[in-house]
Amino acid sequence: MAQDYSTAAESFEENHSYGGPTGPHMDVFRVSAHAELGEREQAGSIVQSLVQSYPDFAVERRLARWFESTDDLQRILDNLHRQGLPR
């Protein structure tokens, strides 16, 4: 996302609407981009869908593999939890 959350959210939503690559990993990034923009309703809706569709997705473990920066990892996890992802 390179901290350009507006462009990231727009790109993620365009990808989603076209049926592009999808899955829990994409939903995680969609939530985080919307949360960073203060779009809580949109982010919360995606979290609800994520939890229902992928109840066993190990978010923290998966994200820890993708991020070298613990600050980036923690920011995304905080966004997810604030939007309703269970701990």
PDB file of N, CA and C in Angstrom:
ATOM      1  N   MET A   1       0.827  -1.191   0.000  1.00  0.00           N
ATOM      2  CA  MET A   1       0.000   0.000   0.000  1.00  0.00           C
ATOM      3  C   MET A   1       0.868   1.250   0.000  1.00  0.00           C
ATOM      4  N   ALA A   2       2.099   1.130   0.452  1.00  0.00           N
ATOM      5  CA  ALA A   2       3.054   2.244   0.465  1.00  0.00           C
ATOM      6  C   ALA A   2       2.452   3.518   1.055  1.00  0.00           C
ATOM      7  N   GLN A   3       1.560   3.362   1.999  1.00  0.00           N
ATOM      8  CA  GLN A   3       0.889   4.458   2.702  1.00  0.00           C
ATOM      9  C   GLN A   3       0.057   5.364   1.800  1.00  0.00           C
ATOM     10  N   ASP A   4      -0.221   4.928   0.585  1.00  0.00           N
ATOM     11  CA  ASP A   4      -1.162   5.635  -0.297  1.00  0.00           C
ATOM     12  C   ASP A   4      -2.480   4.869  -0.207  1.00  0.00           C
ATOM     13  N   TYR A   5      -3.156   5.056   0.928  1.00  0.00           N
ATOM     14  CA  TYR A   5      -4.315   4.238   1.250  1.00  0.00           C
ATOM     15  C   TYR A   5      -5.499   4.468   0.319  1.00  0.00           C
ATOM     16  N   SER A   6      -5.657   5.672  -0.148  1.00  0.00           N
ATOM     17  CA  SER A   6      -6.761   5.974  -1.058  1.00  0.00           C
ATOM     18  C   SER A   6      -6.613   5.188  -2.361  1.00  0.00           C
ATOM     19  N   THR A   7      -5.436   5.238  -2.952  1.00  0.00           N
ATOM     20  CA  THR A   7      -5.194   4.493  -4.188  1.00  0.00           C
ATOM     21  C   THR A   7      -5.271   2.995  -3.933  1.00  0.00           C
ATOM     22  N   ALA A   8      -4.734   2.573  -2.795  1.00  0.00           N
ATOM     23  CA  ALA A   8      -4.766   1.145  -2.464  1.00  0.00           C
ATOM     24  C   ALA A   8      -6.207   0.659  -2.330  1.00  0.00           C
ATOM     25  N   ALA A   9      -7.030   1.398  -1.582  1.00  0.00           N
ATOM     26  CA  ALA A   9      -8.425   0.988  -1.395  1.00  0.00           C
ATOM     27  C   ALA A   9      -9.151   0.933  -2.735  1.00  0.00           C
ATOM     28  N   GLU A  10      -8.914   1.934  -3.556  1.00  0.00           N
ATOM     29  CA  GLU A  10      -9.553   1.965  -4.878  1.00  0.00           C
ATOM     30  C   GLU A  10      -9.121   0.756  -5.715  1.00  0.00           C
ATOM     31  N   SER A  11      -7.841   0.445  -5.703  1.00  0.00           N
ATOM     32  CA  SER A  11      -7.331  -0.697  -6.471  1.00  0.00           C
ATOM     33  C   SER A  11      -7.874  -2.021  -5.943  1.00  0.00           C
ATOM     34  N   PHE A  12      -7.889  -2.166  -4.613  1.00  0.00           N
ATOM     35  CA  PHE A  12      -8.417  -3.400  -4.027  1.00  0.00           C
ATOM     36  C   PHE A  12      -9.891  -3.587  -4.369  1.00  0.00           C
ATOM     37  N   GLU A  13     -10.666  -2.506  -4.309  1.00  0.00           N
ATOM     38  CA  GLU A  13     -12.096  -2.611  -4.612  1.00  0.00           C
ATOM     39  C   GLU A  13     -12.332  -2.888  -6.097  1.00  0.00           C
ATOM     40  N   GLU A  14     -11.526  -2.284  -6.950  1.00  0.00           N
ATOM     41  CA  GLU A  14     -11.650  -2.556  -8.385  1.00  0.00           C
ATOM     42  C   GLU A  14     -11.339  -4.025  -8.657  1.00  0.00           C
ATOM     43  N   ASN A  15     -10.272  -4.525  -8.071  1.00  0.00           N
ATOM     44  CA  ASN A  15      -9.911  -5.930  -8.207  1.00  0.00           C
ATOM     45  C   ASN A  15     -11.053  -6.820  -7.717  1.00  0.00           C
ATOM     46  N   HIS A  16     -11.613  -6.475  -6.568  1.00  0.00           N
ATOM     47  CA  HIS A  16     -12.711  -7.253  -5.979  1.00  0.00           C
ATOM     48  C   HIS A  16     -13.936  -7.262  -6.892  1.00  0.00           C
ATOM     49  N   SER A  17     -14.267  -6.102  -7.445  1.00  0.00           N
ATOM     50  CA  SER A  17     -15.465  -6.012  -8.294  1.00  0.00           C
ATOM     51  C   SER A  17     -15.305  -6.779  -9.602  1.00  0.00           C
ATOM     52  N   TYR A  18     -14.078  -6.911 -10.074  1.00  0.00           N
ATOM     53  CA  TYR A  18     -13.824  -7.658 -11.311  1.00  0.00           C
ATOM     54  C   TYR A  18     -13.632  -9.143 -11.067  1.00  0.00           C
ATOM     55  N   GLY A  19     -13.695  -9.554  -9.811  1.00  0.00           N
ATOM     56  CA  GLY A  19     -13.504 -10.961  -9.493  1.00  0.00           C
ATOM     57  C   GLY A  19     -12.042 -11.376  -9.596  1.00  0.00           C
ATOM     58  N   GLY A  20     -11.149 -10.394  -9.436  1.00  0.00           N
ATOM     59  CA  GLY A  20      -9.714 -10.660  -9.528  1.00  0.00           C
ATOM     60  C   GLY A  20      -9.260 -11.570  -8.408  1.00  0.00           C
ATOM     61  N   PRO A  21      -7.965 -11.690  -8.228  1.00  0.00           N
ATOM     62  CA  PRO A  21      -7.493 -12.557  -7.153  1.00  0.00           C
ATOM     63  C   PRO A  21      -8.189 -12.204  -5.841  1.00  0.00           C
ATOM     64  N   THR A  22      -8.656 -13.228  -5.177  1.00  0.00           N
ATOM     65  CA  THR A  22      -9.414 -13.008  -3.958  1.00  0.00           C
ATOM     66  C   THR A  22      -8.970 -14.007  -2.899  1.00  0.00           C
ATOM     67  N   GLY A  23      -9.401 -13.792  -1.716  1.00  0.00           N
ATOM     68  CA  GLY A  23      -9.075 -14.685  -0.619  1.00  0.00           C
ATOM     69  C   GLY A  23      -8.865 -13.880   0.635  1.00  0.00           C
ATOM     70  N   PRO A  24      -8.609 -14.556   1.723  1.00  0.00           N
ATOM     71  CA  PRO A  24      -8.484 -13.848   2.997  1.00  0.00           C
ATOM     72  C   PRO A  24      -7.336 -12.855   3.015  1.00  0.00           C
ATOM     73  N   HIS A  25      -6.251 -13.164   2.329  1.00  0.00           N
ATOM     74  CA  HIS A  25      -5.124 -12.238   2.302  1.00  0.00           C
ATOM     75  C   HIS A  25      -5.505 -10.917   1.643  1.00  0.00           C
ATOM     76  N   MET A  26      -6.301 -10.949   0.592  1.00  0.00           N
ATOM     77  CA  MET A  26      -6.741  -9.720  -0.068  1.00  0.00           C
ATOM     78  C   MET A  26      -7.706  -8.958   0.835  1.00  0.00           C
ATOM     79  N   ASP A  27      -8.573  -9.676   1.532  1.00  0.00           N
ATOM     80  CA  ASP A  27      -9.515  -9.021   2.439  1.00  0.00           C
ATOM     81  C   ASP A  27      -8.793  -8.290   3.562  1.00  0.00           C
ATOM     82  N   VAL A  28      -7.709  -8.872   4.053  1.00  0.00           N
ATOM     83  CA  VAL A  28      -6.925  -8.236   5.111  1.00  0.00           C
ATOM     84  C   VAL A  28      -6.432  -6.866   4.639  1.00  0.00           C
ATOM     85  N   PHE A  29      -5.910  -6.810   3.431  1.00  0.00           N
ATOM     86  CA  PHE A  29      -5.394  -5.545   2.915  1.00  0.00           C
ATOM     87  C   PHE A  29      -6.519  -4.560   2.592  1.00  0.00           C
ATOM     88  N   ARG A  30      -7.655  -5.071   2.134  1.00  0.00           N
ATOM     89  CA  ARG A  30      -8.817  -4.201   1.901  1.00  0.00           C
ATOM     90  C   ARG A  30      -9.249  -3.553   3.206  1.00  0.00           C
ATOM     91  N   VAL A  31      -9.363  -4.350   4.267  1.00  0.00           N
ATOM     92  CA  VAL A  31      -9.762  -3.824   5.572  1.00  0.00           C
ATOM     93  C   VAL A  31      -8.794  -2.745   6.030  1.00  0.00           C
ATOM     94  N   SER A  32      -7.518  -3.043   5.953  1.00  0.00           N
ATOM     95  CA  SER A  32      -6.528  -2.106   6.459  1.00  0.00           C
ATOM     96  C   SER A  32      -6.557  -0.789   5.694  1.00  0.00           C
ATOM     97  N   ALA A  33      -6.680  -0.837   4.382  1.00  0.00           N
ATOM     98  CA  ALA A  33      -6.724   0.396   3.585  1.00  0.00           C
ATOM     99  C   ALA A  33      -7.940   1.234   3.967  1.00  0.00           C
ATOM    100  N   HIS A  34      -9.101   0.597   4.074  1.00  0.00           N
ATOM    101  CA  HIS A  34     -10.314   1.341   4.442  1.00  0.00           C
ATOM    102  C   HIS A  34     -10.226   1.876   5.869  1.00  0.00           C
ATOM    103  N   ALA A  35      -9.654   1.101   6.764  1.00  0.00           N
ATOM    104  CA  ALA A  35      -9.508   1.554   8.152  1.00  0.00           C
ATOM    105  C   ALA A  35      -8.586   2.766   8.224  1.00  0.00           C
ATOM    106  N   GLU A  36      -7.498   2.743   7.481  1.00  0.00           N
ATOM    107  CA  GLU A  36      -6.573   3.878   7.471  1.00  0.00           C
ATOM    108  C   GLU A  36      -7.249   5.145   6.955  1.00  0.00           C
ATOM    109  N   LEU A  37      -8.236   4.986   6.088  1.00  0.00           N
ATOM    110  CA  LEU A  37      -8.980   6.125   5.540  1.00  0.00           C
ATOM    111  C   LEU A  37     -10.142   6.550   6.436  1.00  0.00           C
ATOM    112  N   GLY A  38     -10.346   5.817   7.537  1.00  0.00           N
ATOM    113  CA  GLY A  38     -11.446   6.133   8.444  1.00  0.00           C
ATOM    114  C   GLY A  38     -12.782   5.620   7.962  1.00  0.00           C
ATOM    115  N   GLU A  39     -12.773   4.726   7.008  1.00  0.00           N
ATOM    116  CA  GLU A  39     -14.005   4.154   6.441  1.00  0.00           C
ATOM    117  C   GLU A  39     -14.378   2.904   7.227  1.00  0.00           C
ATOM    118  N   ARG A  40     -14.814   3.157   8.455  1.00  0.00           N
ATOM    119  CA  ARG A  40     -15.060   2.066   9.410  1.00  0.00           C
ATOM    120  C   ARG A  40     -16.174   1.118   8.969  1.00  0.00           C
ATOM    121  N   GLU A  41     -17.228   1.662   8.404  1.00  0.00           N
ATOM    122  CA  GLU A  41     -18.344   0.808   7.998  1.00  0.00           C
ATOM    123  C   GLU A  41     -17.909  -0.179   6.914  1.00  0.00           C
ATOM    124  N   GLN A  42     -17.196   0.312   5.923  1.00  0.00           N
ATOM    125  CA  GLN A  42     -16.695  -0.542   4.845  1.00  0.00           C
ATOM    126  C   GLN A  42     -15.723  -1.579   5.397  1.00  0.00           C
ATOM    127  N   ALA A  43     -14.790  -1.135   6.225  1.00  0.00           N
ATOM    128  CA  ALA A  43     -13.799  -2.044   6.802  1.00  0.00           C
ATOM    129  C   ALA A  43     -14.477  -3.104   7.671  1.00  0.00           C
ATOM    130  N   GLY A  44     -15.427  -2.692   8.488  1.00  0.00           N
ATOM    131  CA  GLY A  44     -16.144  -3.635   9.350  1.00  0.00           C
ATOM    132  C   GLY A  44     -16.918  -4.669   8.568  1.00  0.00           C
ATOM    133  N   SER A  45     -17.510  -4.253   7.467  1.00  0.00           N
ATOM    134  CA  SER A  45     -18.248  -5.175   6.610  1.00  0.00           C
ATOM    135  C   SER A  45     -17.322  -6.234   6.014  1.00  0.00           C
ATOM    136  N   ILE A  46     -16.142  -5.809   5.610  1.00  0.00           N
ATOM    137  CA  ILE A  46     -15.176  -6.754   5.041  1.00  0.00           C
ATOM    138  C   ILE A  46     -14.699  -7.725   6.116  1.00  0.00           C
ATOM    139  N   VAL A  47     -14.477  -7.227   7.335  1.00  0.00           N
ATOM    140  CA  VAL A  47     -14.058  -8.105   8.436  1.00  0.00           C
ATOM    141  C   VAL A  47     -15.134  -9.157   8.696  1.00  0.00           C
ATOM    142  N   GLN A  48     -16.380  -8.758   8.727  1.00  0.00           N
ATOM    143  CA  GLN A  48     -17.465  -9.725   8.965  1.00  0.00           C
ATOM    144  C   GLN A  48     -17.454 -10.810   7.899  1.00  0.00           C
ATOM    145  N   SER A  49     -17.284 -10.416   6.657  1.00  0.00           N
ATOM    146  CA  SER A  49     -17.228 -11.378   5.558  1.00  0.00           C
ATOM    147  C   SER A  49     -16.010 -12.289   5.688  1.00  0.00           C
ATOM    148  N   LEU A  50     -14.885 -11.711   6.057  1.00  0.00           N
ATOM    149  CA  LEU A  50     -13.652 -12.480   6.232  1.00  0.00           C
ATOM    150  C   LEU A  50     -13.831 -13.551   7.307  1.00  0.00           C
ATOM    151  N   VAL A  51     -14.382 -13.157   8.433  1.00  0.00           N
ATOM    152  CA  VAL A  51     -14.573 -14.097   9.548  1.00  0.00           C
ATOM    153  C   VAL A  51     -15.558 -15.204   9.169  1.00  0.00           C
ATOM    154  N   GLN A  52     -16.617 -14.857   8.457  1.00  0.00           N
ATOM    155  CA  GLN A  52     -17.604 -15.861   8.050  1.00  0.00           C
ATOM    156  C   GLN A  52     -17.048 -16.799   6.980  1.00  0.00           C
ATOM    157  N   SER A  53     -16.330 -16.249   6.023  1.00  0.00           N
ATOM    158  CA  SER A  53     -15.839 -17.054   4.903  1.00  0.00           C
ATOM    159  C   SER A  53     -14.597 -17.874   5.241  1.00  0.00           C
ATOM    160  N   TYR A  54     -13.764 -17.351   6.122  1.00  0.00           N
ATOM    161  CA  TYR A  54     -12.495 -18.004   6.441  1.00  0.00           C
ATOM    162  C   TYR A  54     -12.279 -18.030   7.958  1.00  0.00           C
ATOM    163  N   PRO A  55     -13.109 -18.756   8.687  1.00  0.00           N
ATOM    164  CA  PRO A  55     -13.028 -18.718  10.158  1.00  0.00           C
ATOM    165  C   PRO A  55     -11.708 -19.240  10.720  1.00  0.00           C
ATOM    166  N   ASP A  56     -10.988 -20.049   9.973  1.00  0.00           N
ATOM    167  CA  ASP A  56      -9.749 -20.628  10.485  1.00  0.00           C
ATOM    168  C   ASP A  56      -8.500 -19.954   9.917  1.00  0.00           C
ATOM    169  N   PHE A  57      -8.676 -18.834   9.224  1.00  0.00           N
ATOM    170  CA  PHE A  57      -7.526 -18.140   8.645  1.00  0.00           C
ATOM    171  C   PHE A  57      -6.676 -17.543   9.761  1.00  0.00           C
ATOM    172  N   ALA A  58      -5.423 -17.953   9.832  1.00  0.00           N
ATOM    173  CA  ALA A  58      -4.499 -17.500  10.883  1.00  0.00           C
ATOM    174  C   ALA A  58      -3.874 -16.170  10.447  1.00  0.00           C
ATOM    175  N   VAL A  59      -4.600 -15.095  10.672  1.00  0.00           N
ATOM    176  CA  VAL A  59      -4.205 -13.781  10.178  1.00  0.00           C
ATOM    177  C   VAL A  59      -2.823 -13.377  10.663  1.00  0.00           C
ATOM    178  N   GLU A  60      -2.602 -13.405  11.952  1.00  0.00           N
ATOM    179  CA  GLU A  60      -1.333 -12.916  12.484  1.00  0.00           C
ATOM    180  C   GLU A  60      -0.160 -13.740  11.971  1.00  0.00           C
ATOM    181  N   ARG A  61      -0.295 -15.030  11.993  1.00  0.00           N
ATOM    182  CA  ARG A  61       0.792 -15.896  11.525  1.00  0.00           C
ATOM    183  C   ARG A  61       1.091 -15.653  10.047  1.00  0.00           C
ATOM    184  N   ARG A  62       0.046 -15.520   9.238  1.00  0.00           N
ATOM    185  CA  ARG A  62       0.225 -15.285   7.804  1.00  0.00           C
ATOM    186  C   ARG A  62       0.872 -13.937   7.543  1.00  0.00           C
ATOM    187  N   LEU A  63       0.370 -12.907   8.204  1.00  0.00           N
ATOM    188  CA  LEU A  63       0.930 -11.572   7.995  1.00  0.00           C
ATOM    189  C   LEU A  63       2.381 -11.483   8.457  1.00  0.00           C
ATOM    190  N   ALA A  64       2.712 -12.188   9.519  1.00  0.00           N
ATOM    191  CA  ALA A  64       4.083 -12.148  10.028  1.00  0.00           C
ATOM    192  C   ALA A  64       5.081 -12.654   8.986  1.00  0.00           C
ATOM    193  N   ARG A  65       4.639 -13.517   8.093  1.00  0.00           N
ATOM    194  CA  ARG A  65       5.512 -14.011   7.024  1.00  0.00           C
ATOM    195  C   ARG A  65       5.749 -12.957   5.952  1.00  0.00           C
ATOM    196  N   TRP A  66       4.814 -12.035   5.788  1.00  0.00           N
ATOM    197  CA  TRP A  66       4.876 -11.072   4.691  1.00  0.00           C
ATOM    198  C   TRP A  66       5.570  -9.774   5.048  1.00  0.00           C
ATOM    199  N   PHE A  67       5.653  -9.441   6.320  1.00  0.00           N
ATOM    200  CA  PHE A  67       6.173  -8.138   6.725  1.00  0.00           C
ATOM    201  C   PHE A  67       7.471  -8.267   7.503  1.00  0.00           C
ATOM    202  N   GLU A  68       8.470  -7.546   7.055  1.00  0.00           N
ATOM    203  CA  GLU A  68       9.718  -7.483   7.804  1.00  0.00           C
ATOM    204  C   GLU A  68       9.589  -6.487   8.950  1.00  0.00           C
ATOM    205  N   SER A  69       8.820  -5.445   8.720  1.00  0.00           N
ATOM    206  CA  SER A  69       8.653  -4.387   9.719  1.00  0.00           C
ATOM    207  C   SER A  69       7.577  -4.780  10.727  1.00  0.00           C
ATOM    208  N   THR A  70       7.970  -4.847  11.989  1.00  0.00           N
ATOM    209  CA  THR A  70       6.977  -5.160  13.017  1.00  0.00           C
ATOM    210  C   THR A  70       6.000  -3.996  13.187  1.00  0.00           C
ATOM    211  N   ASP A  71       6.438  -2.772  12.874  1.00  0.00           N
ATOM    212  CA  ASP A  71       5.534  -1.618  12.956  1.00  0.00           C
ATOM    213  C   ASP A  71       4.409  -1.745  11.940  1.00  0.00           C
ATOM    214  N   ASP A  72       4.756  -2.121  10.701  1.00  0.00           N
ATOM    215  CA  ASP A  72       3.733  -2.305   9.658  1.00  0.00           C
ATOM    216  C   ASP A  72       2.787  -3.439  10.031  1.00  0.00           C
ATOM    217  N   LEU A  73       3.360  -4.528  10.491  1.00  0.00           N
ATOM    218  CA  LEU A  73       2.547  -5.673  10.910  1.00  0.00           C
ATOM    219  C   LEU A  73       1.586  -5.268  12.018  1.00  0.00           C
ATOM    220  N   GLN A  74       2.082  -4.586  13.021  1.00  0.00           N
ATOM    221  CA  GLN A  74       1.236  -4.201  14.152  1.00  0.00           C
ATOM    222  C   GLN A  74       0.147  -3.222  13.729  1.00  0.00           C
ATOM    223  N   ARG A  75       0.470  -2.291  12.835  1.00  0.00           N
ATOM    224  CA  ARG A  75      -0.535  -1.320  12.365  1.00  0.00           C
ATOM    225  C   ARG A  75      -1.682  -2.041  11.662  1.00  0.00           C
ATOM    226  N   ILE A  76      -1.362  -3.003  10.809  1.00  0.00           N
ATOM    227  CA  ILE A  76      -2.407  -3.736  10.098  1.00  0.00           C
ATOM    228  C   ILE A  76      -3.221  -4.580  11.073  1.00  0.00           C
ATOM    229  N   LEU A  77      -2.553  -5.261  11.991  1.00  0.00           N
ATOM    230  CA  LEU A  77      -3.292  -6.062  12.981  1.00  0.00           C
ATOM    231  C   LEU A  77      -4.187  -5.184  13.846  1.00  0.00           C
ATOM    232  N   ASP A  78      -3.686  -4.037  14.253  1.00  0.00           N
ATOM    233  CA  ASP A  78      -4.508  -3.112  15.038  1.00  0.00           C
ATOM    234  C   ASP A  78      -5.733  -2.679  14.251  1.00  0.00           C
ATOM    235  N   ASN A  79      -5.552  -2.359  12.973  1.00  0.00           N
ATOM    236  CA  ASN A  79      -6.689  -1.979  12.129  1.00  0.00           C
ATOM    237  C   ASN A  79      -7.718  -3.099  12.075  1.00  0.00           C
ATOM    238  N   LEU A  80      -7.259  -4.315  11.881  1.00  0.00           N
ATOM    239  CA  LEU A  80      -8.167  -5.456  11.788  1.00  0.00           C
ATOM    240  C   LEU A  80      -8.938  -5.662  13.087  1.00  0.00           C
ATOM    241  N   HIS A  81      -8.256  -5.597  14.206  1.00  0.00           N
ATOM    242  CA  HIS A  81      -8.906  -5.819  15.494  1.00  0.00           C
ATOM    243  C   HIS A  81      -9.883  -4.677  15.828  1.00  0.00           C
ATOM    244  N   ARG A  82      -9.518  -3.461  15.504  1.00  0.00           N
ATOM    245  CA  ARG A  82     -10.438  -2.337  15.741  1.00  0.00           C
ATOM    246  C   ARG A  82     -11.711  -2.461  14.909  1.00  0.00           C
ATOM    247  N   GLN A  83     -11.607  -3.135  13.784  1.00  0.00           N
ATOM    248  CA  GLN A  83     -12.771  -3.309  12.915  1.00  0.00           C
ATOM    249  C   GLN A  83     -13.558  -4.578  13.217  1.00  0.00           C
ATOM    250  N   GLY A  84     -13.136  -5.313  14.254  1.00  0.00           N
ATOM    251  CA  GLY A  84     -13.940  -6.447  14.717  1.00  0.00           C
ATOM    252  C   GLY A  84     -13.337  -7.807  14.527  1.00  0.00           C
ATOM    253  N   LEU A  85     -12.124  -7.913  13.998  1.00  0.00           N
ATOM    254  CA  LEU A  85     -11.514  -9.235  13.873  1.00  0.00           C
ATOM    255  C   LEU A  85     -11.191  -9.755  15.268  1.00  0.00           C
ATOM    256  N   PRO A  86     -11.663 -10.962  15.585  1.00  0.00           N
ATOM    257  CA  PRO A  86     -11.393 -11.514  16.918  1.00  0.00           C
ATOM    258  C   PRO A  86      -9.895 -11.706  17.143  1.00  0.00           C
ATOM    259  N   ARG A  87      -9.486 -11.556  18.387  1.00  0.00           N
ATOM    260  CA  ARG A  87      -8.072 -11.781  18.747  1.00  0.00           C
ATOM    261  C   ARG A  87      -7.828 -13.236  18.997  1.00  0.00           C
TER     262      ARG A  87
END
